[in-house]
């Protein structure tokens, strides 16, 4: 009886093992039948501004249902193109990551259409201690003096945010985005529009610039009025003093003046006497 039970358990175990092997084989076969396409990916790490060569690109199998938009299936289609952004090994090469046809490479190929590259001089403080790296976004402050208030009594110094969310293209002569270590440099190249380039050129000529590092996903603009010495020290401005209501005058207390009544003379008593010759009146 015991031997029969053991044989049954062994038979069940063998059946379960065969079923598992069969299911696994079927799953592997289904995975092998999945349709794939060849997609061009980076064979090595590629820095932005680099002209692509066949040795930098290779084709790899990619699931047909998840081919990246703008991807390439032929290595020859990306030859001589210039990378606008840094590419890591194995990262798909897409049209949005490449400069326009005819770009010759270098930093000029990285500048977006309609933008300009402009370099400003910085130091370890202005350059955010070297943390303003290529690919980061910064705001730009200028510290200067207000022209309209120089003749007034208050201090004309003001610090104002003039440009927001400006892309850092390069620090010194390096445009690579792969290195995240801070670098203290003497110059930073920024990507700006023509109008922003005018404001930046004027700002660096009238005052001292400062870079403010910001979050890359923060798109909300900052609406500020600028910081002055009065606002820094919470001192009331002349306009605020004028706007203050004048104190109410003290109420006038009027004293009552007693009016003296005229003194009437005391009444006199008169006596009337009638005589034969007429009426005679005598008053005391």
Foldseek 3Di string as FASTA:
>chain_A
DVVVVVVVVVVVVVVVVVVVVVVVVVVVVVVVPQDWAWWKAFQAKFFFQDADALVGIDIDTDGPVDDDPQTDRDSVVRHRWTFLHIGHHPHTDGPVRTFDPPDNTDLVSNADPQKDKDKDFDFCFQCVNQQQAAFFWKWKKWWAFDPVPPPDDDGRIWIDTDGGGWGWQHAPRDRGPPDRDGDTGGMTMTIGHPVVVVVVVVRVVGGPMHIGTDDPPDPDDDDDDIDDPCNVVVNDDPVRVVPDDDDDDDDDDDDDDDDDDDDDDDDWDKDWDADPVGIDIDID
